[in-house]
Amino acid sequence: MKSKAALALATWFGCGYWPLGPGTAGSLGALAAAWALQRWLGYGMGWHAALAAVLLLPGVWAAGEVARARGVEDPGMVVIDEVLGQWIALAAAGAFTWTEGAAAFVLFRLFDIFKPWPVRDAERLPGGWGIVADDVLAGIYAAAALGAGRAVVINMVQS
């Protein structure tokens, strides 16, 4: 591997090596990092979308580097895409409670697995973009669903 930094970022510091569902391990690693940032640094939920935006280009680069080095279009060990998508989904949570964290996790994983239009189409983009873009879109769908669900619940409680 030409770049240890690319491998570390692409596997989210080893989460991608988990043998039983590396994508799920990447999403859980994203939740752990988000919780730590919120708990210890006081980051609000919207910061997760900002962090995803900051890591987007490095993530695309790292995913592309690892894919080229492995000779595989979308290696399972690359989970930076799940991290970015999970953070986008989590940004729609009102607070980092176990219920909102679990909802963001489940919604993101569902949209990532089932890939509604145009999520699946984004996989056709070249290199690291094809690896990352579908998960970013899945995260946006999950954030929208979580936000809509929160609005319904808040409306029901206030009624």
N, C-alpha and C. Protein backbone atom coordinates (compact mmCIF):
# COMPACT_ATOMS: atom_id res chain seq x y z
N MET A 1 0.85 -1.17 0.00
CA MET A 1 0.00 0.00 0.00
C MET A 1 0.89 1.23 0.00
N LYS A 2 0.64 2.11 -0.92
CA LYS A 2 1.44 3.31 -1.08
C LYS A 2 1.29 4.25 0.12
N SER A 3 0.10 4.33 0.69
CA SER A 3 -0.14 5.29 1.75
C SER A 3 -0.82 4.63 2.95
N LYS A 4 -0.11 4.61 4.06
CA LYS A 4 -0.70 4.08 5.29
C LYS A 4 -1.84 4.98 5.76
N ALA A 5 -1.74 6.28 5.47
CA ALA A 5 -2.81 7.21 5.85
C ALA A 5 -4.10 6.87 5.10
N ALA A 6 -3.98 6.54 3.81
CA ALA A 6 -5.17 6.18 3.03
C ALA A 6 -5.80 4.92 3.59
N LEU A 7 -5.00 3.94 3.94
CA LEU A 7 -5.53 2.70 4.48
C LEU A 7 -6.19 2.93 5.84
N ALA A 8 -5.56 3.72 6.69
CA ALA A 8 -6.14 4.00 8.01
C ALA A 8 -7.47 4.72 7.88
N LEU A 9 -7.54 5.73 7.03
CA LEU A 9 -8.78 6.48 6.86
C LEU A 9 -9.84 5.63 6.17
N ALA A 10 -9.47 4.93 5.12
CA ALA A 10 -10.44 4.13 4.37
C ALA A 10 -11.07 3.03 5.23
N THR A 11 -10.30 2.44 6.13
CA THR A 11 -10.83 1.38 6.99
C THR A 11 -11.36 1.93 8.31
N TRP A 12 -11.39 3.26 8.43
CA TRP A 12 -11.78 3.95 9.65
C TRP A 12 -11.03 3.37 10.84
N PHE A 13 -9.71 3.40 10.68
CA PHE A 13 -8.78 3.01 11.73
C PHE A 13 -9.00 1.58 12.20
N GLY A 14 -9.30 0.72 11.23
CA GLY A 14 -9.39 -0.71 11.50
C GLY A 14 -10.79 -1.28 11.53
N CYS A 15 -11.84 -0.46 11.59
CA CYS A 15 -13.21 -0.98 11.63
C CYS A 15 -13.52 -1.84 10.41
N GLY A 16 -12.92 -1.50 9.27
CA GLY A 16 -13.18 -2.23 8.04
C GLY A 16 -12.65 -3.65 8.02
N TYR A 17 -11.83 -4.00 9.00
CA TYR A 17 -11.30 -5.36 9.08
C TYR A 17 -12.24 -6.31 9.82
N TRP A 18 -13.32 -5.78 10.39
CA TRP A 18 -14.27 -6.63 11.11
C TRP A 18 -14.84 -7.65 10.14
N PRO A 19 -14.71 -8.96 10.44
CA PRO A 19 -15.10 -9.98 9.45
C PRO A 19 -16.62 -10.13 9.26
N LEU A 20 -17.40 -9.76 10.25
CA LEU A 20 -18.85 -9.94 10.17
C LEU A 20 -19.52 -8.59 9.92
N GLY A 21 -19.56 -8.17 8.68
CA GLY A 21 -20.21 -6.91 8.33
C GLY A 21 -19.35 -5.70 8.57
N PRO A 22 -18.31 -5.51 7.78
CA PRO A 22 -17.46 -4.34 7.97
C PRO A 22 -18.20 -3.01 7.82
N GLY A 23 -19.23 -2.95 6.96
CA GLY A 23 -20.00 -1.72 6.82
C GLY A 23 -20.73 -1.35 8.10
N THR A 24 -21.28 -2.36 8.75
CA THR A 24 -21.95 -2.13 10.03
C THR A 24 -20.94 -1.70 11.07
N ALA A 25 -19.76 -2.33 11.06
CA ALA A 25 -18.70 -1.94 12.00
C ALA A 25 -18.26 -0.50 11.74
N GLY A 26 -18.19 -0.09 10.48
CA GLY A 26 -17.85 1.29 10.15
C GLY A 26 -18.90 2.26 10.66
N SER A 27 -20.17 1.91 10.51
CA SER A 27 -21.25 2.76 11.03
C SER A 27 -21.19 2.86 12.54
N LEU A 28 -20.92 1.75 13.20
CA LEU A 28 -20.80 1.78 14.67
C LEU A 28 -19.58 2.59 15.09
N GLY A 29 -18.49 2.48 14.34
CA GLY A 29 -17.30 3.29 14.62
C GLY A 29 -17.60 4.77 14.44
N ALA A 30 -18.43 5.11 13.46
CA ALA A 30 -18.84 6.50 13.25
C ALA A 30 -19.67 7.00 14.43
N LEU A 31 -20.56 6.15 14.93
CA LEU A 31 -21.37 6.53 16.10
C LEU A 31 -20.49 6.72 17.33
N ALA A 32 -19.52 5.85 17.51
CA ALA A 32 -18.62 5.97 18.67
C ALA A 32 -17.84 7.28 18.60
N ALA A 33 -17.32 7.61 17.42
CA ALA A 33 -16.58 8.86 17.27
C ALA A 33 -17.49 10.06 17.48
N ALA A 34 -18.71 10.00 16.97
CA ALA A 34 -19.67 11.10 17.13
C ALA A 34 -20.02 11.28 18.61
N TRP A 35 -20.23 10.19 19.30
CA TRP A 35 -20.55 10.27 20.72
C TRP A 35 -19.39 10.91 21.48
N ALA A 36 -18.17 10.49 21.18
CA ALA A 36 -17.00 11.04 21.87
C ALA A 36 -16.86 12.54 21.59
N LEU A 37 -17.06 12.93 20.34
CA LEU A 37 -16.96 14.35 20.00
C LEU A 37 -18.01 15.17 20.73
N GLN A 38 -19.21 14.63 20.82
CA GLN A 38 -20.28 15.35 21.49
C GLN A 38 -20.06 15.37 23.00
N ARG A 39 -19.65 14.26 23.54
CA ARG A 39 -19.48 14.13 24.99
C ARG A 39 -18.30 14.96 25.51
N TRP A 40 -17.16 14.83 24.85
CA TRP A 40 -15.94 15.43 25.38
C TRP A 40 -15.65 16.83 24.83
N LEU A 41 -16.12 17.12 23.63
CA LEU A 41 -15.84 18.43 23.05
C LEU A 41 -17.07 19.31 22.95
N GLY A 42 -18.23 18.76 23.29
CA GLY A 42 -19.46 19.53 23.27
C GLY A 42 -20.00 19.82 21.88
N TYR A 43 -19.58 19.05 20.88
CA TYR A 43 -20.07 19.26 19.51
C TYR A 43 -21.57 18.99 19.47
N GLY A 44 -22.33 19.87 18.84
CA GLY A 44 -23.75 19.65 18.62
C GLY A 44 -23.95 18.69 17.46
N MET A 45 -25.18 18.28 17.25
CA MET A 45 -25.46 17.27 16.24
C MET A 45 -25.16 17.77 14.82
N GLY A 46 -25.39 19.05 14.55
CA GLY A 46 -25.11 19.58 13.22
C GLY A 46 -23.64 19.52 12.84
N TRP A 47 -22.77 19.45 13.82
CA TRP A 47 -21.34 19.36 13.53
C TRP A 47 -20.99 18.08 12.78
N HIS A 48 -21.79 17.07 12.93
CA HIS A 48 -21.48 15.80 12.25
C HIS A 48 -21.59 15.95 10.73
N ALA A 49 -22.56 16.71 10.27
CA ALA A 49 -22.65 16.98 8.83
C ALA A 49 -21.45 17.79 8.37
N ALA A 50 -21.04 18.76 9.18
CA ALA A 50 -19.87 19.57 8.83
C ALA A 50 -18.61 18.71 8.78
N LEU A 51 -18.46 17.81 9.74
CA LEU A 51 -17.29 16.92 9.74
C LEU A 51 -17.32 15.99 8.53
N ALA A 52 -18.51 15.53 8.16
CA ALA A 52 -18.63 14.69 6.96
C ALA A 52 -18.20 15.48 5.73
N ALA A 53 -18.58 16.73 5.66
CA ALA A 53 -18.19 17.57 4.52
C ALA A 53 -16.67 17.76 4.49
N VAL A 54 -16.07 17.96 5.65
CA VAL A 54 -14.62 18.15 5.73
C VAL A 54 -13.88 16.88 5.31
N LEU A 55 -14.41 15.73 5.69
CA LEU A 55 -13.75 14.46 5.37
C LEU A 55 -14.13 13.88 4.01
N LEU A 56 -15.05 14.54 3.30
CA LEU A 56 -15.50 14.00 2.02
C LEU A 56 -14.35 13.81 1.03
N LEU A 57 -13.61 14.84 0.72
CA LEU A 57 -12.53 14.70 -0.27
C LEU A 57 -11.41 13.78 0.21
N PRO A 58 -10.95 13.88 1.46
CA PRO A 58 -9.97 12.89 1.92
C PRO A 58 -10.53 11.47 1.89
N GLY A 59 -11.82 11.31 2.19
CA GLY A 59 -12.44 9.99 2.15
C GLY A 59 -12.50 9.42 0.75
N VAL A 60 -12.85 10.26 -0.23
CA VAL A 60 -12.89 9.82 -1.63
C VAL A 60 -11.49 9.41 -2.06
N TRP A 61 -10.50 10.22 -1.70
CA TRP A 61 -9.10 9.90 -2.04
C TRP A 61 -8.69 8.57 -1.43
N ALA A 62 -8.94 8.39 -0.12
CA ALA A 62 -8.52 7.17 0.57
C ALA A 62 -9.22 5.95 0.00
N ALA A 63 -10.53 6.06 -0.25
CA ALA A 63 -11.28 4.93 -0.81
C ALA A 63 -10.73 4.55 -2.18
N GLY A 64 -10.44 5.55 -3.01
CA GLY A 64 -9.89 5.29 -4.34
C GLY A 64 -8.51 4.67 -4.28
N GLU A 65 -7.66 5.15 -3.38
CA GLU A 65 -6.31 4.59 -3.23
C GLU A 65 -6.36 3.12 -2.84
N VAL A 66 -7.19 2.79 -1.86
CA VAL A 66 -7.27 1.40 -1.39
C VAL A 66 -7.88 0.52 -2.48
N ALA A 67 -8.89 1.01 -3.17
CA ALA A 67 -9.50 0.23 -4.26
C ALA A 67 -8.47 -0.06 -5.35
N ARG A 68 -7.68 0.95 -5.73
CA ARG A 68 -6.64 0.74 -6.76
C ARG A 68 -5.60 -0.25 -6.27
N ALA A 69 -5.15 -0.11 -5.03
CA ALA A 69 -4.11 -1.00 -4.50
C ALA A 69 -4.59 -2.44 -4.40
N ARG A 70 -5.85 -2.62 -4.09
CA ARG A 70 -6.42 -3.97 -3.95
C ARG A 70 -6.89 -4.54 -5.29
N GLY A 71 -7.07 -3.68 -6.28
CA GLY A 71 -7.56 -4.14 -7.57
C GLY A 71 -9.02 -4.54 -7.53
N VAL A 72 -9.77 -3.93 -6.61
CA VAL A 72 -11.19 -4.22 -6.44
C VAL A 72 -11.95 -2.90 -6.53
N GLU A 73 -13.10 -2.91 -7.21
CA GLU A 73 -13.86 -1.68 -7.42
C GLU A 73 -14.34 -1.05 -6.11
N ASP A 74 -14.84 -1.86 -5.18
CA ASP A 74 -15.35 -1.36 -3.90
C ASP A 74 -15.01 -2.39 -2.82
N PRO A 75 -13.79 -2.35 -2.30
CA PRO A 75 -13.38 -3.34 -1.30
C PRO A 75 -14.23 -3.24 -0.03
N GLY A 76 -14.63 -4.37 0.51
CA GLY A 76 -15.45 -4.39 1.71
C GLY A 76 -14.77 -3.73 2.90
N MET A 77 -13.46 -3.75 2.92
CA MET A 77 -12.73 -3.16 4.04
C MET A 77 -12.79 -1.64 4.07
N VAL A 78 -13.18 -1.02 2.95
CA VAL A 78 -13.31 0.44 2.88
C VAL A 78 -14.65 0.81 3.52
N VAL A 79 -14.58 1.51 4.66
CA VAL A 79 -15.80 1.88 5.38
C VAL A 79 -15.88 3.39 5.66
N ILE A 80 -14.96 4.17 5.12
CA ILE A 80 -15.05 5.62 5.31
C ILE A 80 -16.37 6.14 4.74
N ASP A 81 -16.88 5.48 3.71
CA ASP A 81 -18.16 5.87 3.13
C ASP A 81 -19.30 5.70 4.13
N GLU A 82 -19.27 4.61 4.90
CA GLU A 82 -20.28 4.41 5.94
C GLU A 82 -20.16 5.46 7.04
N VAL A 83 -18.94 5.83 7.37
CA VAL A 83 -18.72 6.85 8.40
C VAL A 83 -19.36 8.17 7.95
N LEU A 84 -19.09 8.59 6.74
CA LEU A 84 -19.64 9.85 6.24
C LEU A 84 -21.16 9.81 6.19
N GLY A 85 -21.70 8.74 5.65
CA GLY A 85 -23.16 8.61 5.58
C GLY A 85 -23.81 8.56 6.94
N GLN A 86 -23.18 7.85 7.87
CA GLN A 86 -23.74 7.75 9.22
C GLN A 86 -23.73 9.10 9.92
N TRP A 87 -22.66 9.87 9.73
CA TRP A 87 -22.60 11.20 10.35
C TRP A 87 -23.67 12.13 9.76
N ILE A 88 -23.90 12.02 8.46
CA ILE A 88 -24.95 12.84 7.84
C ILE A 88 -26.30 12.47 8.43
N ALA A 89 -26.58 11.19 8.55
CA ALA A 89 -27.84 10.74 9.15
C ALA A 89 -27.97 11.24 10.59
N LEU A 90 -26.91 11.14 11.33
CA LEU A 90 -26.92 11.53 12.74
C LEU A 90 -27.12 13.03 12.93
N ALA A 91 -26.72 13.80 11.95
CA ALA A 91 -26.87 15.27 12.05
C ALA A 91 -28.33 15.68 12.19
N ALA A 92 -29.27 14.85 11.76
CA ALA A 92 -30.69 15.18 11.87
C ALA A 92 -31.27 14.86 13.25
N ALA A 93 -30.50 14.21 14.10
CA ALA A 93 -30.97 13.89 15.44
C ALA A 93 -31.02 15.16 16.27
N GLY A 94 -31.97 15.25 17.17
CA GLY A 94 -32.06 16.42 18.03
C GLY A 94 -30.99 16.42 19.09
N ALA A 95 -30.63 15.24 19.55
CA ALA A 95 -29.60 15.07 20.59
C ALA A 95 -29.05 13.67 20.44
N PHE A 96 -27.90 13.44 21.04
CA PHE A 96 -27.32 12.11 20.94
C PHE A 96 -27.85 11.25 22.09
N THR A 97 -29.10 10.84 21.96
CA THR A 97 -29.68 9.89 22.91
C THR A 97 -29.58 8.51 22.29
N TRP A 98 -29.76 7.49 23.09
CA TRP A 98 -29.65 6.14 22.53
C TRP A 98 -30.76 5.90 21.50
N THR A 99 -31.96 6.48 21.70
CA THR A 99 -33.04 6.25 20.74
C THR A 99 -32.77 6.95 19.41
N GLU A 100 -32.30 8.19 19.46
CA GLU A 100 -32.03 8.89 18.20
C GLU A 100 -30.79 8.33 17.51
N GLY A 101 -29.79 7.93 18.30
CA GLY A 101 -28.61 7.30 17.72
C GLY A 101 -28.98 5.98 17.04
N ALA A 102 -29.82 5.19 17.72
CA ALA A 102 -30.25 3.91 17.14
C ALA A 102 -31.10 4.14 15.89
N ALA A 103 -31.98 5.14 15.93
CA ALA A 103 -32.82 5.44 14.76
C ALA A 103 -31.95 5.87 13.57
N ALA A 104 -30.98 6.74 13.82
CA ALA A 104 -30.08 7.18 12.75
C ALA A 104 -29.30 6.00 12.18
N PHE A 105 -28.83 5.12 13.06
CA PHE A 105 -28.08 3.94 12.64
C PHE A 105 -28.94 3.02 11.76
N VAL A 106 -30.13 2.68 12.25
CA VAL A 106 -31.01 1.76 11.52
C VAL A 106 -31.44 2.36 10.18
N LEU A 107 -31.85 3.63 10.19
CA LEU A 107 -32.28 4.26 8.94
C LEU A 107 -31.13 4.31 7.93
N PHE A 108 -29.95 4.70 8.38
CA PHE A 108 -28.83 4.76 7.44
C PHE A 108 -28.52 3.37 6.88
N ARG A 109 -28.45 2.37 7.75
CA ARG A 109 -28.12 1.02 7.25
C ARG A 109 -29.17 0.53 6.27
N LEU A 110 -30.45 0.81 6.52
CA LEU A 110 -31.51 0.39 5.59
C LEU A 110 -31.36 1.06 4.22
N PHE A 111 -31.16 2.38 4.23
CA PHE A 111 -30.98 3.08 2.94
C PHE A 111 -29.70 2.66 2.25
N ASP A 112 -28.66 2.34 3.03
CA ASP A 112 -27.39 1.89 2.44
C ASP A 112 -27.54 0.50 1.83
N ILE A 113 -28.27 -0.35 2.48
CA ILE A 113 -28.44 -1.73 1.99
C ILE A 113 -29.39 -1.79 0.79
N PHE A 114 -30.55 -1.13 0.90
CA PHE A 114 -31.56 -1.23 -0.16
C PHE A 114 -31.34 -0.26 -1.32
N LYS A 115 -30.60 0.80 -1.10
CA LYS A 115 -30.18 1.74 -2.15
C LYS A 115 -31.30 2.18 -3.09
N PRO A 116 -32.26 2.96 -2.58
CA PRO A 116 -33.30 3.48 -3.48
C PRO A 116 -32.69 4.48 -4.48
N TRP A 117 -33.43 4.75 -5.55
CA TRP A 117 -32.96 5.68 -6.55
C TRP A 117 -32.74 7.03 -5.92
N PRO A 118 -31.70 7.73 -6.22
CA PRO A 118 -30.57 7.47 -7.12
C PRO A 118 -29.34 6.92 -6.39
N VAL A 119 -29.53 6.38 -5.20
CA VAL A 119 -28.39 5.89 -4.41
C VAL A 119 -27.61 4.84 -5.19
N ARG A 120 -28.29 3.86 -5.74
CA ARG A 120 -27.60 2.79 -6.49
C ARG A 120 -26.86 3.35 -7.71
N ASP A 121 -27.45 4.31 -8.37
CA ASP A 121 -26.81 4.90 -9.56
C ASP A 121 -25.49 5.59 -9.21
N ALA A 122 -25.38 6.12 -8.00
CA ALA A 122 -24.16 6.83 -7.59
C ALA A 122 -22.96 5.89 -7.52
N GLU A 123 -23.21 4.60 -7.37
CA GLU A 123 -22.10 3.62 -7.34
C GLU A 123 -21.34 3.57 -8.66
N ARG A 124 -21.95 4.03 -9.73
CA ARG A 124 -21.33 3.98 -11.05
C ARG A 124 -20.31 5.08 -11.29
N LEU A 125 -20.22 6.03 -10.36
CA LEU A 125 -19.22 7.08 -10.51
C LEU A 125 -17.83 6.47 -10.44
N PRO A 126 -16.84 7.10 -11.05
CA PRO A 126 -15.51 6.49 -11.10
C PRO A 126 -14.76 6.57 -9.76
N GLY A 127 -13.93 5.56 -9.52
CA GLY A 127 -13.00 5.54 -8.39
C GLY A 127 -13.65 5.71 -7.04
N GLY A 128 -12.98 6.49 -6.20
CA GLY A 128 -13.45 6.72 -4.84
C GLY A 128 -14.81 7.39 -4.78
N TRP A 129 -15.14 8.18 -5.82
CA TRP A 129 -16.45 8.82 -5.84
C TRP A 129 -17.57 7.79 -5.86
N GLY A 130 -17.41 6.73 -6.62
CA GLY A 130 -18.43 5.68 -6.68
C GLY A 130 -18.56 4.92 -5.37
N ILE A 131 -17.48 4.83 -4.63
CA ILE A 131 -17.51 4.15 -3.33
C ILE A 131 -18.23 5.00 -2.30
N VAL A 132 -17.99 6.29 -2.33
CA VAL A 132 -18.48 7.19 -1.28
C VAL A 132 -19.86 7.78 -1.58
N ALA A 133 -20.13 8.14 -2.81
CA ALA A 133 -21.33 8.91 -3.13
C ALA A 133 -22.63 8.21 -2.74
N ASP A 134 -22.71 6.89 -2.94
CA ASP A 134 -23.96 6.20 -2.60
C ASP A 134 -24.25 6.28 -1.10
N ASP A 135 -23.21 6.22 -0.28
CA ASP A 135 -23.42 6.28 1.16
C ASP A 135 -23.76 7.70 1.62
N VAL A 136 -23.20 8.69 0.96
CA VAL A 136 -23.57 10.07 1.26
C VAL A 136 -25.06 10.27 0.96
N LEU A 137 -25.51 9.78 -0.19
CA LEU A 137 -26.94 9.89 -0.52
C LEU A 137 -27.81 9.09 0.45
N ALA A 138 -27.36 7.90 0.82
CA ALA A 138 -28.11 7.11 1.81
C ALA A 138 -28.20 7.86 3.14
N GLY A 139 -27.12 8.55 3.50
CA GLY A 139 -27.13 9.36 4.72
C GLY A 139 -28.12 10.51 4.63
N ILE A 140 -28.21 11.12 3.46
CA ILE A 140 -29.16 12.22 3.26
C ILE A 140 -30.59 11.70 3.37
N TYR A 141 -30.87 10.55 2.76
CA TYR A 141 -32.20 9.94 2.88
C TYR A 141 -32.51 9.63 4.34
N ALA A 142 -31.55 9.05 5.04
CA ALA A 142 -31.75 8.69 6.45
C ALA A 142 -31.98 9.94 7.29
N ALA A 143 -31.23 11.01 7.02
CA ALA A 143 -31.41 12.26 7.75
C ALA A 143 -32.81 12.82 7.51
N ALA A 144 -33.26 12.77 6.27
CA ALA A 144 -34.61 13.27 5.94
C ALA A 144 -35.67 12.44 6.66
N ALA A 145 -35.51 11.12 6.65
CA ALA A 145 -36.47 10.26 7.33
C ALA A 145 -36.46 10.48 8.84
N LEU A 146 -35.27 10.63 9.41
CA LEU A 146 -35.16 10.88 10.85
C LEU A 146 -35.77 12.23 11.20
N GLY A 147 -35.48 13.25 10.39
CA GLY A 147 -36.06 14.57 10.63
C GLY A 147 -37.57 14.55 10.53
N ALA A 148 -38.11 13.86 9.53
CA ALA A 148 -39.56 13.76 9.38
C ALA A 148 -40.17 13.01 10.56
N GLY A 149 -39.54 11.93 10.97
CA GLY A 149 -40.03 11.17 12.12
C GLY A 149 -40.01 11.99 13.40
N ARG A 150 -38.95 12.75 13.59
CA ARG A 150 -38.86 13.63 14.77
C ARG A 150 -39.98 14.66 14.75
N ALA A 151 -40.25 15.24 13.57
CA ALA A 151 -41.29 16.26 13.45
C ALA A 151 -42.66 15.68 13.80
N VAL A 152 -42.93 14.48 13.34
CA VAL A 152 -44.21 13.82 13.64
C VAL A 152 -44.33 13.57 15.14
N VAL A 153 -43.29 13.04 15.74
CA VAL A 153 -43.33 12.75 17.18
C VAL A 153 -43.47 14.04 17.99
N ILE A 154 -42.73 15.06 17.64
CA ILE A 154 -42.82 16.34 18.36
C ILE A 154 -44.22 16.92 18.22
N ASN A 155 -44.79 16.84 17.03
CA ASN A 155 -46.14 17.34 16.79
C ASN A 155 -47.16 16.56 17.62
N MET A 156 -46.99 15.25 17.71
CA MET A 156 -47.91 14.42 18.49
C MET A 156 -47.82 14.76 19.97
N VAL A 157 -46.62 14.99 20.45
CA VAL A 157 -46.41 15.29 21.87
C VAL A 157 -46.99 16.66 22.21
N GLN A 158 -46.86 17.62 21.30
CA GLN A 158 -47.34 18.98 21.57
C GLN A 158 -48.84 19.11 21.40
N SER A 159 -49.48 18.15 20.75
CA SER A 159 -50.92 18.22 20.51
C SER A 159 -51.72 17.83 21.73
